[in-house]
Amino acid sequence: MAQKTPFDNTYYKRFYGKVGVHNAEKIAHLAQGIHSLCAWWGLPIRSGIAKNSHRTLFK
């Protein structure tokens, strides 16, 4: 069985560099898209919690 590589800070920096994958403008468009889809489906977003540099959790 292959060993899993954790998707941690070291992994992220190795494959995506120090500047990340998206700039602020692309992240804003993504956030707007998520917000719009949730509004369309009638799902309230109570909060968005930034978690690490590569993942965001929504409640």
PDB file of N, CA and C in Angstrom:
ATOM      1  N   MET A   1       0.845  -1.186   0.000  1.00  0.00           N
ATOM      2  CA  MET A   1       0.000   0.000   0.000  1.00  0.00           C
ATOM      3  C   MET A   1       0.887   1.244   0.000  1.00  0.00           C
ATOM      4  N   ALA A   2       0.572   2.178  -0.854  1.00  0.00           N
ATOM      5  CA  ALA A   2       1.355   3.420  -0.955  1.00  0.00           C
ATOM      6  C   ALA A   2       1.145   4.291   0.275  1.00  0.00           C
ATOM      7  N   GLN A   3       2.217   4.910   0.703  1.00  0.00           N
ATOM      8  CA  GLN A   3       2.138   5.806   1.857  1.00  0.00           C
ATOM      9  C   GLN A   3       1.552   7.142   1.417  1.00  0.00           C
ATOM     10  N   LYS A   4       0.647   7.671   2.198  1.00  0.00           N
ATOM     11  CA  LYS A   4       0.027   8.958   1.876  1.00  0.00           C
ATOM     12  C   LYS A   4       0.946  10.099   2.298  1.00  0.00           C
ATOM     13  N   THR A   5       1.034  11.107   1.457  1.00  0.00           N
ATOM     14  CA  THR A   5       1.780  12.313   1.784  1.00  0.00           C
ATOM     15  C   THR A   5       0.807  13.319   2.370  1.00  0.00           C
ATOM     16  N   PRO A   6       1.089  13.832   3.565  1.00  0.00           N
ATOM     17  CA  PRO A   6       0.159  14.797   4.152  1.00  0.00           C
ATOM     18  C   PRO A   6       0.140  16.105   3.351  1.00  0.00           C
ATOM     19  N   PHE A   7      -1.050  16.674   3.227  1.00  0.00           N
ATOM     20  CA  PHE A   7      -1.186  17.962   2.547  1.00  0.00           C
ATOM     21  C   PHE A   7      -0.993  19.043   3.597  1.00  0.00           C
ATOM     22  N   ASP A   8       0.250  19.229   3.973  1.00  0.00           N
ATOM     23  CA  ASP A   8       0.574  20.196   5.013  1.00  0.00           C
ATOM     24  C   ASP A   8       1.289  21.403   4.408  1.00  0.00           C
ATOM     25  N   ASN A   9       1.788  22.263   5.268  1.00  0.00           N
ATOM     26  CA  ASN A   9       2.444  23.487   4.827  1.00  0.00           C
ATOM     27  C   ASN A   9       3.655  23.202   3.923  1.00  0.00           C
ATOM     28  N   THR A  10       4.438  22.192   4.271  1.00  0.00           N
ATOM     29  CA  THR A  10       5.619  21.832   3.483  1.00  0.00           C
ATOM     30  C   THR A  10       5.224  21.380   2.087  1.00  0.00           C
ATOM     31  N   TYR A  11       4.211  20.534   2.005  1.00  0.00           N
ATOM     32  CA  TYR A  11       3.711  20.056   0.716  1.00  0.00           C
ATOM     33  C   TYR A  11       3.233  21.235  -0.132  1.00  0.00           C
ATOM     34  N   TYR A  12       2.431  22.095   0.487  1.00  0.00           N
ATOM     35  CA  TYR A  12       1.876  23.246  -0.237  1.00  0.00           C
ATOM     36  C   TYR A  12       2.980  24.115  -0.815  1.00  0.00           C
ATOM     37  N   LYS A  13       3.970  24.458  -0.009  1.00  0.00           N
ATOM     38  CA  LYS A  13       5.072  25.307  -0.473  1.00  0.00           C
ATOM     39  C   LYS A  13       5.888  24.622  -1.559  1.00  0.00           C
ATOM     40  N   ARG A  14       6.040  23.318  -1.445  1.00  0.00           N
ATOM     41  CA  ARG A  14       6.816  22.567  -2.442  1.00  0.00           C
ATOM     42  C   ARG A  14       6.164  22.602  -3.818  1.00  0.00           C
ATOM     43  N   PHE A  15       4.861  22.423  -3.868  1.00  0.00           N
ATOM     44  CA  PHE A  15       4.175  22.342  -5.150  1.00  0.00           C
ATOM     45  C   PHE A  15       3.549  23.649  -5.632  1.00  0.00           C
ATOM     46  N   TYR A  16       3.245  24.567  -4.721  1.00  0.00           N
ATOM     47  CA  TYR A  16       2.560  25.798  -5.106  1.00  0.00           C
ATOM     48  C   TYR A  16       3.383  27.053  -4.869  1.00  0.00           C
ATOM     49  N   GLY A  17       4.523  26.939  -4.233  1.00  0.00           N
ATOM     50  CA  GLY A  17       5.386  28.090  -4.015  1.00  0.00           C
ATOM     51  C   GLY A  17       4.919  28.985  -2.884  1.00  0.00           C
ATOM     52  N   LYS A  18       5.576  30.096  -2.748  1.00  0.00           N
ATOM     53  CA  LYS A  18       5.287  31.016  -1.648  1.00  0.00           C
ATOM     54  C   LYS A  18       4.111  31.939  -1.931  1.00  0.00           C
ATOM     55  N   VAL A  19       3.784  32.138  -3.197  1.00  0.00           N
ATOM     56  CA  VAL A  19       2.721  33.086  -3.543  1.00  0.00           C
ATOM     57  C   VAL A  19       1.345  32.442  -3.653  1.00  0.00           C
ATOM     58  N   GLY A  20       1.276  31.127  -3.632  1.00  0.00           N
ATOM     59  CA  GLY A  20      -0.010  30.452  -3.706  1.00  0.00           C
ATOM     60  C   GLY A  20      -0.481  30.219  -5.125  1.00  0.00           C
ATOM     61  N   VAL A  21      -1.657  29.678  -5.237  1.00  0.00           N
ATOM     62  CA  VAL A  21      -2.211  29.295  -6.526  1.00  0.00           C
ATOM     63  C   VAL A  21      -3.008  30.432  -7.158  1.00  0.00           C
ATOM     64  N   HIS A  22      -3.737  31.166  -6.337  1.00  0.00           N
ATOM     65  CA  HIS A  22      -4.601  32.230  -6.837  1.00  0.00           C
ATOM     66  C   HIS A  22      -4.242  33.562  -6.188  1.00  0.00           C
ATOM     67  N   ASN A  23      -4.532  34.624  -6.915  1.00  0.00           N
ATOM     68  CA  ASN A  23      -4.337  35.959  -6.348  1.00  0.00           C
ATOM     69  C   ASN A  23      -5.635  36.411  -5.670  1.00  0.00           C
ATOM     70  N   ALA A  24      -5.598  37.570  -5.067  1.00  0.00           N
ATOM     71  CA  ALA A  24      -6.754  38.070  -4.315  1.00  0.00           C
ATOM     72  C   ALA A  24      -7.999  38.213  -5.200  1.00  0.00           C
ATOM     73  N   GLU A  25      -7.823  38.618  -6.441  1.00  0.00           N
ATOM     74  CA  GLU A  25      -8.965  38.792  -7.346  1.00  0.00           C
ATOM     75  C   GLU A  25      -9.649  37.452  -7.629  1.00  0.00           C
ATOM     76  N   LYS A  26      -8.868  36.419  -7.889  1.00  0.00           N
ATOM     77  CA  LYS A  26      -9.454  35.098  -8.154  1.00  0.00           C
ATOM     78  C   LYS A  26     -10.139  34.534  -6.909  1.00  0.00           C
ATOM     79  N   ILE A  27      -9.555  34.765  -5.747  1.00  0.00           N
ATOM     80  CA  ILE A  27     -10.164  34.296  -4.504  1.00  0.00           C
ATOM     81  C   ILE A  27     -11.491  35.015  -4.262  1.00  0.00           C
ATOM     82  N   ALA A  28     -11.541  36.306  -4.564  1.00  0.00           N
ATOM     83  CA  ALA A  28     -12.788  37.066  -4.419  1.00  0.00           C
ATOM     84  C   ALA A  28     -13.866  36.521  -5.350  1.00  0.00           C
ATOM     85  N   HIS A  29     -13.494  36.182  -6.582  1.00  0.00           N
ATOM     86  CA  HIS A  29     -14.464  35.604  -7.524  1.00  0.00           C
ATOM     87  C   HIS A  29     -14.966  34.243  -7.030  1.00  0.00           C
ATOM     88  N   LEU A  30     -14.069  33.430  -6.500  1.00  0.00           N
ATOM     89  CA  LEU A  30     -14.449  32.134  -5.962  1.00  0.00           C
ATOM     90  C   LEU A  30     -15.414  32.307  -4.790  1.00  0.00           C
ATOM     91  N   ALA A  31     -15.095  33.215  -3.876  1.00  0.00           N
ATOM     92  CA  ALA A  31     -15.972  33.461  -2.725  1.00  0.00           C
ATOM     93  C   ALA A  31     -17.350  33.939  -3.184  1.00  0.00           C
ATOM     94  N   GLN A  32     -17.391  34.812  -4.181  1.00  0.00           N
ATOM     95  CA  GLN A  32     -18.668  35.300  -4.698  1.00  0.00           C
ATOM     96  C   GLN A  32     -19.463  34.157  -5.325  1.00  0.00           C
ATOM     97  N   GLY A  33     -18.773  33.269  -6.037  1.00  0.00           N
ATOM     98  CA  GLY A  33     -19.442  32.118  -6.643  1.00  0.00           C
ATOM     99  C   GLY A  33     -20.048  31.199  -5.596  1.00  0.00           C
ATOM    100  N   ILE A  34     -19.295  30.920  -4.548  1.00  0.00           N
ATOM    101  CA  ILE A  34     -19.811  30.073  -3.464  1.00  0.00           C
ATOM    102  C   ILE A  34     -21.007  30.733  -2.802  1.00  0.00           C
ATOM    103  N   HIS A  35     -20.891  32.023  -2.546  1.00  0.00           N
ATOM    104  CA  HIS A  35     -21.991  32.769  -1.924  1.00  0.00           C
ATOM    105  C   HIS A  35     -23.234  32.734  -2.809  1.00  0.00           C
ATOM    106  N   SER A  36     -23.048  32.951  -4.096  1.00  0.00           N
ATOM    107  CA  SER A  36     -24.182  32.964  -5.026  1.00  0.00           C
ATOM    108  C   SER A  36     -24.851  31.599  -5.132  1.00  0.00           C
ATOM    109  N   LEU A  37     -24.069  30.518  -5.185  1.00  0.00           N
ATOM    110  CA  LEU A  37     -24.657  29.179  -5.239  1.00  0.00           C
ATOM    111  C   LEU A  37     -25.442  28.867  -3.974  1.00  0.00           C
ATOM    112  N   CYS A  38     -24.883  29.216  -2.842  1.00  0.00           N
ATOM    113  CA  CYS A  38     -25.599  28.978  -1.585  1.00  0.00           C
ATOM    114  C   CYS A  38     -26.895  29.781  -1.536  1.00  0.00           C
ATOM    115  N   ALA A  39     -26.861  31.008  -2.004  1.00  0.00           N
ATOM    116  CA  ALA A  39     -28.073  31.827  -2.044  1.00  0.00           C
ATOM    117  C   ALA A  39     -29.108  31.199  -2.977  1.00  0.00           C
ATOM    118  N   TRP A  40     -28.666  30.699  -4.117  1.00  0.00           N
ATOM    119  CA  TRP A  40     -29.559  30.057  -5.096  1.00  0.00           C
ATOM    120  C   TRP A  40     -30.234  28.834  -4.495  1.00  0.00           C
ATOM    121  N   TRP A  41     -29.457  28.044  -3.742  1.00  0.00           N
ATOM    122  CA  TRP A  41     -29.981  26.827  -3.131  1.00  0.00           C
ATOM    123  C   TRP A  41     -30.699  27.092  -1.816  1.00  0.00           C
ATOM    124  N   GLY A  42     -30.680  28.328  -1.331  1.00  0.00           N
ATOM    125  CA  GLY A  42     -31.328  28.663  -0.070  1.00  0.00           C
ATOM    126  C   GLY A  42     -30.559  28.184   1.151  1.00  0.00           C
ATOM    127  N   LEU A  43     -29.250  28.047   1.011  1.00  0.00           N
ATOM    128  CA  LEU A  43     -28.409  27.601   2.122  1.00  0.00           C
ATOM    129  C   LEU A  43     -27.713  28.800   2.752  1.00  0.00           C
ATOM    130  N   PRO A  44     -27.990  29.096   4.008  1.00  0.00           N
ATOM    131  CA  PRO A  44     -27.325  30.230   4.646  1.00  0.00           C
ATOM    132  C   PRO A  44     -25.872  29.901   4.989  1.00  0.00           C
ATOM    133  N   ILE A  45     -24.999  30.856   4.802  1.00  0.00           N
ATOM    134  CA  ILE A  45     -23.620  30.732   5.266  1.00  0.00           C
ATOM    135  C   ILE A  45     -23.534  31.580   6.521  1.00  0.00           C
ATOM    136  N   ARG A  46     -23.308  30.937   7.626  1.00  0.00           N
ATOM    137  CA  ARG A  46     -23.221  31.664   8.890  1.00  0.00           C
ATOM    138  C   ARG A  46     -21.833  32.240   9.122  1.00  0.00           C
ATOM    139  N   SER A  47     -20.812  31.540   8.635  1.00  0.00           N
ATOM    140  CA  SER A  47     -19.452  32.059   8.797  1.00  0.00           C
ATOM    141  C   SER A  47     -18.506  31.350   7.843  1.00  0.00           C
ATOM    142  N   GLY A  48     -17.382  31.964   7.570  1.00  0.00           N
ATOM    143  CA  GLY A  48     -16.303  31.350   6.805  1.00  0.00           C
ATOM    144  C   GLY A  48     -15.053  31.422   7.653  1.00  0.00           C
ATOM    145  N   ILE A  49     -14.413  30.293   7.831  1.00  0.00           N
ATOM    146  CA  ILE A  49     -13.248  30.249   8.698  1.00  0.00           C
ATOM    147  C   ILE A  49     -12.031  29.881   7.859  1.00  0.00           C
ATOM    148  N   ALA A  50     -11.062  30.785   7.765  1.00  0.00           N
ATOM    149  CA  ALA A  50      -9.840  30.479   7.041  1.00  0.00           C
ATOM    150  C   ALA A  50      -9.049  29.455   7.835  1.00  0.00           C
ATOM    151  N   LYS A  51      -8.671  28.381   7.187  1.00  0.00           N
ATOM    152  CA  LYS A  51      -7.940  27.304   7.852  1.00  0.00           C
ATOM    153  C   LYS A  51      -6.689  27.012   7.038  1.00  0.00           C
ATOM    154  N   ASN A  52      -5.542  27.315   7.608  1.00  0.00           N
ATOM    155  CA  ASN A  52      -4.265  27.159   6.914  1.00  0.00           C
ATOM    156  C   ASN A  52      -4.227  28.034   5.665  1.00  0.00           C
ATOM    157  N   SER A  53      -3.302  27.788   4.792  1.00  0.00           N
ATOM    158  CA  SER A  53      -3.173  28.631   3.606  1.00  0.00           C
ATOM    159  C   SER A  53      -3.862  28.022   2.397  1.00  0.00           C
ATOM    160  N   HIS A  54      -4.434  26.834   2.540  1.00  0.00           N
ATOM    161  CA  HIS A  54      -4.962  26.132   1.376  1.00  0.00           C
ATOM    162  C   HIS A  54      -6.385  25.617   1.523  1.00  0.00           C
ATOM    163  N   ARG A  55      -7.060  26.001   2.587  1.00  0.00           N
ATOM    164  CA  ARG A  55      -8.360  25.412   2.821  1.00  0.00           C
ATOM    165  C   ARG A  55      -9.227  26.390   3.604  1.00  0.00           C
ATOM    166  N   THR A  56     -10.483  26.490   3.254  1.00  0.00           N
ATOM    167  CA  THR A  56     -11.422  27.322   4.006  1.00  0.00           C
ATOM    168  C   THR A  56     -12.633  26.476   4.350  1.00  0.00           C
ATOM    169  N   LEU A  57     -13.066  26.571   5.585  1.00  0.00           N
ATOM    170  CA  LEU A  57     -14.245  25.842   6.026  1.00  0.00           C
ATOM    171  C   LEU A  57     -15.408  26.808   6.163  1.00  0.00           C
ATOM    172  N   PHE A  58     -16.571  26.399   5.740  1.00  0.00           N
ATOM    173  CA  PHE A  58     -17.763  27.215   5.868  1.00  0.00           C
ATOM    174  C   PHE A  58     -18.728  26.528   6.815  1.00  0.00           C
ATOM    175  N   LYS A  59     -19.435  27.318   7.606  1.00  0.00           N
ATOM    176  CA  LYS A  59     -20.477  26.783   8.485  1.00  0.00           C
ATOM    177  C   LYS A  59     -21.798  27.400   8.107  1.00  0.00           C
TER     178      LYS A  59
END
